[in-house]
């Protein structure tokens, strides 16, 4: 005999897990993001170099769009694993109050204003300490040959 309550529950759970990603609304305003980094050119020391950060605070080319507070790019622990976040702290939600990498902790960044510390090591941007309860605004990344593309 089929237990319909269990089947409906499982379907509901699966659909809620699939749909969660698009429901998040950040306190950081939506600004255009479009960036192409040449990992064999200007960013060659960053390519496949785990636990390295790059702060993009000004557009390099006319077509570059760097979000609300700039873009922080992090090279993850595995080769070809890159994550990108808006540099504006979601607790402060100001263009000029930014996060910066901590040199004494792997995959950690800290807000220069409120002091919140975030973990970016696996691409989530979760708050670890401080007043912020909101994750960092994350951007998508795609690696194609030697080019890293960053977009909303």
N, C-alpha and C. Protein backbone atom coordinates (compact mmCIF):
# COMPACT_ATOMS: atom_id res chain seq x y z
N UNK A 1 0.83 -1.18 0.00
CA UNK A 1 0.00 0.00 0.00
C UNK A 1 0.89 1.26 0.00
N UNK A 2 0.53 2.23 -0.79
CA UNK A 2 1.29 3.47 -0.94
C UNK A 2 0.88 4.44 0.17
N UNK A 3 1.88 4.98 0.86
CA UNK A 3 1.62 5.98 1.89
C UNK A 3 1.73 7.37 1.24
N UNK A 4 0.60 7.93 0.88
CA UNK A 4 0.57 9.21 0.14
C UNK A 4 1.10 10.37 0.96
N UNK A 5 0.93 10.33 2.27
CA UNK A 5 1.45 11.42 3.11
C UNK A 5 2.97 11.51 3.00
N UNK A 6 3.62 10.36 3.02
CA UNK A 6 5.09 10.35 2.90
C UNK A 6 5.54 10.82 1.53
N UNK A 7 4.85 10.39 0.49
CA UNK A 7 5.22 10.79 -0.88
C UNK A 7 5.03 12.29 -1.06
N UNK A 8 3.93 12.84 -0.57
CA UNK A 8 3.67 14.29 -0.68
C UNK A 8 4.71 15.06 0.13
N UNK A 9 5.06 14.54 1.30
CA UNK A 9 6.08 15.18 2.13
C UNK A 9 7.43 15.22 1.45
N UNK A 10 7.81 14.12 0.82
CA UNK A 10 9.09 14.05 0.12
C UNK A 10 9.10 15.00 -1.07
N UNK A 11 8.02 15.05 -1.82
CA UNK A 11 7.93 15.97 -2.96
C UNK A 11 8.03 17.41 -2.48
N UNK A 12 7.37 17.73 -1.40
CA UNK A 12 7.43 19.09 -0.84
C UNK A 12 8.83 19.46 -0.39
N UNK A 13 9.52 18.52 0.26
CA UNK A 13 10.89 18.76 0.70
C UNK A 13 11.82 18.98 -0.49
N UNK A 14 11.72 18.16 -1.50
CA UNK A 14 12.57 18.30 -2.68
C UNK A 14 12.32 19.63 -3.38
N UNK A 15 11.07 20.00 -3.55
CA UNK A 15 10.77 21.27 -4.24
C UNK A 15 11.23 22.47 -3.43
N UNK A 16 11.16 22.40 -2.11
CA UNK A 16 11.63 23.53 -1.31
C UNK A 16 13.15 23.64 -1.36
N UNK A 17 13.86 22.50 -1.40
CA UNK A 17 15.31 22.54 -1.49
C UNK A 17 15.78 23.05 -2.84
N UNK A 18 15.10 22.69 -3.88
CA UNK A 18 15.47 23.14 -5.22
C UNK A 18 15.21 24.63 -5.37
N UNK A 19 14.15 25.14 -4.79
CA UNK A 19 13.76 26.53 -4.98
C UNK A 19 14.39 27.51 -4.03
N UNK A 20 15.15 27.07 -3.04
CA UNK A 20 15.67 27.97 -2.02
C UNK A 20 16.63 29.02 -2.56
N UNK A 21 17.48 28.66 -3.49
CA UNK A 21 18.54 29.53 -3.96
C UNK A 21 18.02 30.84 -4.53
N UNK A 22 16.93 30.82 -5.25
CA UNK A 22 16.43 32.02 -5.92
C UNK A 22 15.57 32.91 -5.01
N UNK A 23 15.24 32.46 -3.81
CA UNK A 23 14.36 33.22 -2.93
C UNK A 23 15.11 34.20 -2.04
N UNK A 24 16.42 34.13 -1.99
CA UNK A 24 17.21 34.97 -1.10
C UNK A 24 17.24 36.42 -1.61
N UNK A 25 16.95 37.35 -0.71
CA UNK A 25 17.02 38.77 -1.04
C UNK A 25 18.05 39.40 -0.11
N UNK A 26 19.09 39.95 -0.70
CA UNK A 26 20.18 40.54 0.07
C UNK A 26 19.86 41.98 0.46
N UNK A 27 20.47 42.43 1.56
CA UNK A 27 20.34 43.84 1.93
C UNK A 27 21.23 44.72 1.06
N UNK A 28 22.12 44.09 0.29
CA UNK A 28 22.97 44.83 -0.65
C UNK A 28 22.16 45.07 -1.92
N UNK A 29 22.03 46.32 -2.34
CA UNK A 29 21.25 46.61 -3.55
C UNK A 29 21.82 45.91 -4.79
N UNK A 30 20.96 45.62 -5.72
CA UNK A 30 21.39 44.98 -6.97
C UNK A 30 22.00 46.03 -7.89
N UNK A 31 23.26 45.85 -8.18
CA UNK A 31 24.00 46.69 -9.11
C UNK A 31 24.53 45.78 -10.21
N UNK A 32 24.80 46.31 -11.39
CA UNK A 32 25.32 45.47 -12.48
C UNK A 32 26.65 44.80 -12.12
N UNK A 33 26.78 43.56 -12.51
CA UNK A 33 28.02 42.80 -12.31
C UNK A 33 28.36 42.09 -13.61
N UNK A 34 29.53 42.39 -14.12
CA UNK A 34 30.02 41.73 -15.33
C UNK A 34 31.53 41.94 -15.36
N UNK A 35 32.25 40.86 -15.15
CA UNK A 35 33.69 40.96 -15.05
C UNK A 35 34.34 39.75 -15.70
N UNK A 36 35.42 39.98 -16.43
CA UNK A 36 36.18 38.92 -17.08
C UNK A 36 37.64 39.08 -16.66
N UNK A 37 38.14 38.10 -15.90
CA UNK A 37 39.52 38.15 -15.43
C UNK A 37 40.38 37.17 -16.23
N UNK A 38 41.47 37.67 -16.77
CA UNK A 38 42.41 36.84 -17.53
C UNK A 38 43.40 36.21 -16.54
N UNK A 39 43.21 34.93 -16.23
CA UNK A 39 44.04 34.26 -15.23
C UNK A 39 45.43 33.90 -15.73
N UNK A 40 45.68 34.05 -17.01
CA UNK A 40 47.04 33.82 -17.52
C UNK A 40 47.73 35.15 -17.78
N UNK A 41 47.02 36.25 -17.61
CA UNK A 41 47.59 37.58 -17.83
C UNK A 41 47.78 38.31 -16.51
N UNK A 42 46.92 39.30 -16.27
CA UNK A 42 47.02 40.16 -15.09
C UNK A 42 46.89 39.41 -13.77
N UNK A 43 46.23 38.27 -13.78
CA UNK A 43 45.94 37.54 -12.54
C UNK A 43 46.61 36.16 -12.53
N UNK A 44 47.77 36.04 -13.16
CA UNK A 44 48.42 34.73 -13.31
C UNK A 44 48.84 34.13 -11.96
N UNK A 45 49.22 34.94 -10.98
CA UNK A 45 49.60 34.40 -9.67
C UNK A 45 48.39 33.93 -8.87
N UNK A 46 47.22 34.28 -9.32
CA UNK A 46 45.98 33.91 -8.65
C UNK A 46 45.45 32.56 -9.13
N UNK A 47 45.82 32.18 -10.33
CA UNK A 47 45.30 30.97 -10.95
C UNK A 47 45.72 29.72 -10.17
N UNK A 48 44.71 28.90 -9.79
CA UNK A 48 44.94 27.63 -9.08
C UNK A 48 45.83 27.79 -7.85
N UNK A 49 45.72 28.91 -7.18
CA UNK A 49 46.52 29.19 -5.99
C UNK A 49 45.57 29.27 -4.79
N UNK A 50 45.36 28.14 -4.12
CA UNK A 50 44.35 28.08 -3.04
C UNK A 50 44.52 29.14 -1.96
N UNK A 51 43.37 29.56 -1.44
CA UNK A 51 43.27 30.53 -0.35
C UNK A 51 43.86 31.90 -0.70
N UNK A 52 43.73 32.30 -1.94
CA UNK A 52 44.17 33.62 -2.37
C UNK A 52 42.95 34.49 -2.66
N UNK A 53 43.08 35.76 -2.37
CA UNK A 53 42.01 36.73 -2.59
C UNK A 53 42.44 37.77 -3.60
N UNK A 54 41.48 38.31 -4.32
CA UNK A 54 41.68 39.48 -5.16
C UNK A 54 40.52 40.43 -4.89
N UNK A 55 40.88 41.68 -4.64
CA UNK A 55 39.86 42.71 -4.42
C UNK A 55 39.77 43.55 -5.69
N UNK A 56 38.60 43.63 -6.26
CA UNK A 56 38.37 44.44 -7.45
C UNK A 56 37.54 45.65 -7.00
N UNK A 57 38.21 46.79 -6.85
CA UNK A 57 37.54 47.97 -6.31
C UNK A 57 37.23 49.02 -7.37
N UNK A 58 37.88 48.88 -8.53
CA UNK A 58 37.63 49.80 -9.64
C UNK A 58 37.59 49.00 -10.93
N UNK A 59 36.72 49.39 -11.85
CA UNK A 59 36.68 48.70 -13.15
C UNK A 59 38.01 48.88 -13.89
N UNK A 60 38.50 47.80 -14.46
CA UNK A 60 39.74 47.86 -15.24
C UNK A 60 39.45 48.28 -16.68
N UNK A 61 38.32 47.80 -17.20
CA UNK A 61 37.91 48.12 -18.56
C UNK A 61 36.54 48.79 -18.54
N UNK A 62 36.21 49.46 -19.60
CA UNK A 62 34.95 50.21 -19.68
C UNK A 62 33.73 49.31 -19.50
N UNK A 63 33.80 48.09 -19.95
CA UNK A 63 32.66 47.17 -19.87
C UNK A 63 32.52 46.50 -18.50
N UNK A 64 33.52 46.64 -17.63
CA UNK A 64 33.47 45.99 -16.31
C UNK A 64 32.40 46.62 -15.43
N UNK A 65 31.69 45.77 -14.73
CA UNK A 65 30.69 46.20 -13.75
C UNK A 65 31.01 45.45 -12.47
N UNK A 66 31.21 46.18 -11.37
CA UNK A 66 31.73 45.57 -10.15
C UNK A 66 30.76 45.60 -8.97
N UNK A 67 29.48 45.59 -9.25
CA UNK A 67 28.50 45.49 -8.17
C UNK A 67 28.40 46.74 -7.33
N UNK A 68 27.93 46.58 -6.11
CA UNK A 68 27.66 47.69 -5.19
C UNK A 68 28.94 48.21 -4.53
N UNK A 69 29.70 47.33 -3.89
CA UNK A 69 30.88 47.76 -3.16
C UNK A 69 32.20 47.27 -3.71
N UNK A 70 32.18 46.69 -4.90
CA UNK A 70 33.36 46.06 -5.47
C UNK A 70 33.21 44.55 -5.34
N UNK A 71 34.16 43.82 -5.89
CA UNK A 71 34.07 42.36 -5.89
C UNK A 71 35.30 41.75 -5.23
N UNK A 72 35.06 40.82 -4.33
CA UNK A 72 36.10 40.03 -3.71
C UNK A 72 36.07 38.65 -4.35
N UNK A 73 37.19 38.24 -4.96
CA UNK A 73 37.27 36.93 -5.59
C UNK A 73 38.19 36.07 -4.73
N UNK A 74 37.76 34.84 -4.49
CA UNK A 74 38.52 33.92 -3.65
C UNK A 74 38.78 32.63 -4.42
N UNK A 75 40.03 32.19 -4.41
CA UNK A 75 40.39 30.90 -5.00
C UNK A 75 40.25 29.85 -3.91
N UNK A 76 39.32 28.92 -4.10
CA UNK A 76 39.01 27.91 -3.09
C UNK A 76 40.13 26.91 -2.89
N UNK A 77 39.83 25.89 -2.09
CA UNK A 77 40.83 24.89 -1.73
C UNK A 77 41.11 23.90 -2.85
N UNK A 78 40.17 23.72 -3.79
CA UNK A 78 40.38 22.81 -4.91
C UNK A 78 40.77 23.60 -6.16
N UNK A 79 41.57 23.00 -7.05
CA UNK A 79 41.94 23.69 -8.29
C UNK A 79 40.70 24.09 -9.10
N UNK A 80 40.79 25.20 -9.75
CA UNK A 80 39.71 25.71 -10.60
C UNK A 80 38.42 26.01 -9.84
N UNK A 81 38.53 26.30 -8.56
CA UNK A 81 37.36 26.61 -7.72
C UNK A 81 37.47 28.08 -7.30
N UNK A 82 36.57 28.91 -7.82
CA UNK A 82 36.61 30.33 -7.54
C UNK A 82 35.24 30.80 -7.06
N UNK A 83 35.25 31.73 -6.10
CA UNK A 83 34.02 32.29 -5.55
C UNK A 83 34.12 33.81 -5.59
N UNK A 84 33.00 34.47 -5.81
CA UNK A 84 32.99 35.93 -5.87
C UNK A 84 31.87 36.48 -4.99
N UNK A 85 32.19 37.55 -4.28
CA UNK A 85 31.24 38.18 -3.36
C UNK A 85 31.31 39.69 -3.52
N UNK A 86 30.20 40.36 -3.21
CA UNK A 86 30.23 41.81 -3.14
C UNK A 86 31.04 42.18 -1.89
N UNK A 87 31.87 43.19 -2.00
CA UNK A 87 32.71 43.58 -0.88
C UNK A 87 31.97 44.41 0.16
N UNK A 88 30.75 44.83 -0.10
CA UNK A 88 29.98 45.58 0.89
C UNK A 88 29.46 44.62 1.95
N UNK A 89 29.60 44.99 3.20
CA UNK A 89 29.11 44.18 4.32
C UNK A 89 27.58 44.26 4.35
N UNK A 90 26.89 43.13 4.41
CA UNK A 90 25.42 43.17 4.43
C UNK A 90 24.84 43.79 5.70
N UNK A 91 25.58 43.78 6.78
CA UNK A 91 25.09 44.40 8.01
C UNK A 91 25.12 45.93 7.89
N UNK A 92 26.20 46.44 7.32
CA UNK A 92 26.35 47.89 7.12
C UNK A 92 25.58 48.37 5.90
N UNK A 93 25.61 47.60 4.83
CA UNK A 93 24.93 47.91 3.57
C UNK A 93 25.30 49.31 3.03
N UNK A 94 26.59 49.62 3.06
CA UNK A 94 27.10 50.88 2.53
C UNK A 94 28.23 50.58 1.56
N UNK A 95 28.32 51.37 0.49
CA UNK A 95 29.36 51.16 -0.53
C UNK A 95 30.77 51.28 0.03
N UNK A 96 30.93 52.16 0.99
CA UNK A 96 32.28 52.46 1.47
C UNK A 96 32.68 51.69 2.74
N UNK A 97 31.84 50.77 3.23
CA UNK A 97 32.20 49.91 4.35
C UNK A 97 32.35 48.51 3.79
N UNK A 98 33.61 48.05 3.72
CA UNK A 98 33.89 46.83 2.95
C UNK A 98 34.49 45.72 3.81
N UNK A 99 34.45 44.53 3.23
CA UNK A 99 35.10 43.38 3.84
C UNK A 99 36.52 43.28 3.29
N UNK A 100 37.41 42.69 4.08
CA UNK A 100 38.78 42.48 3.64
C UNK A 100 39.25 41.12 4.15
N UNK A 101 40.19 40.49 3.45
CA UNK A 101 40.68 39.17 3.85
C UNK A 101 41.47 39.24 5.16
N UNK A 102 41.29 38.24 6.00
CA UNK A 102 42.12 38.09 7.20
C UNK A 102 43.35 37.27 6.82
N UNK A 103 44.50 37.75 7.18
CA UNK A 103 45.74 37.07 6.81
C UNK A 103 46.05 35.89 7.72
N UNK A 104 45.45 35.85 8.90
CA UNK A 104 45.77 34.79 9.86
C UNK A 104 44.72 33.68 9.91
N UNK A 105 43.77 33.68 8.98
CA UNK A 105 42.73 32.64 8.99
C UNK A 105 42.37 32.26 7.56
N UNK A 106 42.35 30.96 7.27
CA UNK A 106 42.04 30.49 5.93
C UNK A 106 40.58 30.76 5.57
N UNK A 107 40.37 31.41 4.43
CA UNK A 107 39.02 31.61 3.91
C UNK A 107 38.13 32.48 4.76
N UNK A 108 38.72 33.43 5.49
CA UNK A 108 37.92 34.31 6.34
C UNK A 108 38.11 35.76 5.89
N UNK A 109 37.00 36.51 5.96
CA UNK A 109 37.04 37.94 5.69
C UNK A 109 36.34 38.67 6.83
N UNK A 110 36.66 39.94 6.98
CA UNK A 110 36.13 40.73 8.10
C UNK A 110 35.65 42.09 7.61
N UNK A 111 34.55 42.55 8.17
CA UNK A 111 34.03 43.89 7.84
C UNK A 111 34.84 44.93 8.59
N UNK A 112 35.28 45.96 7.88
CA UNK A 112 36.07 47.01 8.50
C UNK A 112 35.21 47.92 9.39
N UNK A 113 33.89 47.84 9.27
CA UNK A 113 33.00 48.67 10.09
C UNK A 113 32.50 47.95 11.33
N UNK A 114 31.64 46.96 11.14
CA UNK A 114 30.99 46.28 12.27
C UNK A 114 31.85 45.18 12.88
N UNK A 115 32.88 44.73 12.16
CA UNK A 115 33.77 43.70 12.68
C UNK A 115 33.28 42.27 12.47
N UNK A 116 32.18 42.09 11.75
CA UNK A 116 31.68 40.74 11.49
C UNK A 116 32.71 39.95 10.68
N UNK A 117 32.85 38.67 11.01
CA UNK A 117 33.76 37.78 10.29
C UNK A 117 32.92 36.77 9.52
N UNK A 118 33.30 36.53 8.26
CA UNK A 118 32.57 35.63 7.37
C UNK A 118 33.50 34.53 6.88
N UNK A 119 32.93 33.36 6.62
CA UNK A 119 33.67 32.24 6.06
C UNK A 119 33.32 32.14 4.57
N UNK A 120 34.32 32.30 3.71
CA UNK A 120 34.10 32.19 2.27
C UNK A 120 34.78 30.95 1.68
N UNK A 121 35.37 30.11 2.54
CA UNK A 121 36.20 29.01 2.07
C UNK A 121 35.47 28.00 1.19
N UNK A 122 34.17 27.82 1.38
CA UNK A 122 33.42 26.89 0.54
C UNK A 122 32.38 27.61 -0.31
N UNK A 123 32.52 28.93 -0.43
CA UNK A 123 31.67 29.69 -1.33
C UNK A 123 30.34 30.14 -0.77
N UNK A 124 30.13 30.05 0.55
CA UNK A 124 28.83 30.43 1.11
C UNK A 124 28.80 31.85 1.66
N UNK A 125 29.87 32.31 2.28
CA UNK A 125 29.90 33.65 2.85
C UNK A 125 29.11 33.75 4.15
N UNK A 126 29.11 32.70 4.95
CA UNK A 126 28.35 32.67 6.20
C UNK A 126 29.00 33.52 7.28
N UNK A 127 28.19 34.25 8.07
CA UNK A 127 28.75 34.99 9.20
C UNK A 127 29.18 34.02 10.30
N UNK A 128 30.36 34.27 10.87
CA UNK A 128 30.88 33.43 11.97
C UNK A 128 30.83 34.15 13.31
N UNK A 129 31.05 35.46 13.27
CA UNK A 129 31.02 36.25 14.50
C UNK A 129 30.68 37.69 14.16
N UNK A 130 30.32 38.46 15.18
CA UNK A 130 29.94 39.85 14.98
C UNK A 130 28.43 39.99 14.88
N UNK A 131 27.95 41.20 14.64
CA UNK A 131 26.50 41.44 14.65
C UNK A 131 25.76 40.93 13.41
N UNK A 132 26.45 40.70 12.31
CA UNK A 132 25.76 40.30 11.08
C UNK A 132 25.21 38.88 11.18
N UNK A 133 23.99 38.72 10.71
CA UNK A 133 23.36 37.40 10.63
C UNK A 133 23.11 37.01 9.17
N UNK A 134 23.43 37.90 8.26
CA UNK A 134 23.15 37.70 6.84
C UNK A 134 24.42 37.26 6.11
N UNK A 135 24.26 36.35 5.13
CA UNK A 135 25.40 35.92 4.33
C UNK A 135 25.84 37.04 3.39
N UNK A 136 27.07 36.95 2.92
CA UNK A 136 27.57 37.91 1.94
C UNK A 136 26.81 37.73 0.62
N UNK A 137 26.67 38.82 -0.13
CA UNK A 137 26.05 38.72 -1.44
C UNK A 137 27.02 38.03 -2.38
N UNK A 138 26.57 36.92 -2.95
CA UNK A 138 27.44 36.09 -3.78
C UNK A 138 27.12 36.30 -5.26
N UNK A 139 28.17 36.23 -6.07
CA UNK A 139 28.03 36.29 -7.52
C UNK A 139 28.46 34.96 -8.11
N UNK A 140 27.97 34.66 -9.28
CA UNK A 140 28.30 33.41 -9.95
C UNK A 140 29.64 33.55 -10.66
N UNK A 141 30.35 32.44 -10.77
CA UNK A 141 31.62 32.42 -11.50
C UNK A 141 31.63 31.24 -12.47
N UNK A 142 32.27 31.46 -13.60
CA UNK A 142 32.47 30.40 -14.58
C UNK A 142 33.90 30.50 -15.09
N UNK A 143 34.61 29.38 -15.04
CA UNK A 143 35.97 29.33 -15.55
C UNK A 143 35.96 28.68 -16.92
N UNK A 144 36.42 29.42 -17.93
CA UNK A 144 36.52 28.90 -19.30
C UNK A 144 37.95 29.12 -19.76
N UNK A 145 38.68 28.03 -19.87
CA UNK A 145 40.11 28.07 -20.20
C UNK A 145 40.83 28.95 -19.17
N UNK A 146 41.39 30.07 -19.59
CA UNK A 146 42.11 30.94 -18.65
C UNK A 146 41.32 32.19 -18.26
N UNK A 147 40.04 32.19 -18.50
CA UNK A 147 39.21 33.35 -18.18
C UNK A 147 38.19 33.01 -17.10
N UNK A 148 38.14 33.85 -16.08
CA UNK A 148 37.14 33.71 -15.04
C UNK A 148 36.09 34.78 -15.26
N UNK A 149 34.86 34.35 -15.46
CA UNK A 149 33.73 35.26 -15.68
C UNK A 149 32.94 35.36 -14.38
N UNK A 150 32.58 36.60 -14.03
CA UNK A 150 31.81 36.86 -12.81
C UNK A 150 30.56 37.62 -13.23
N UNK A 151 29.41 37.14 -12.76
CA UNK A 151 28.13 37.71 -13.18
C UNK A 151 27.10 37.48 -12.08
N UNK A 152 25.93 38.18 -12.16
CA UNK A 152 24.92 38.03 -11.08
C UNK A 152 24.31 36.65 -11.01
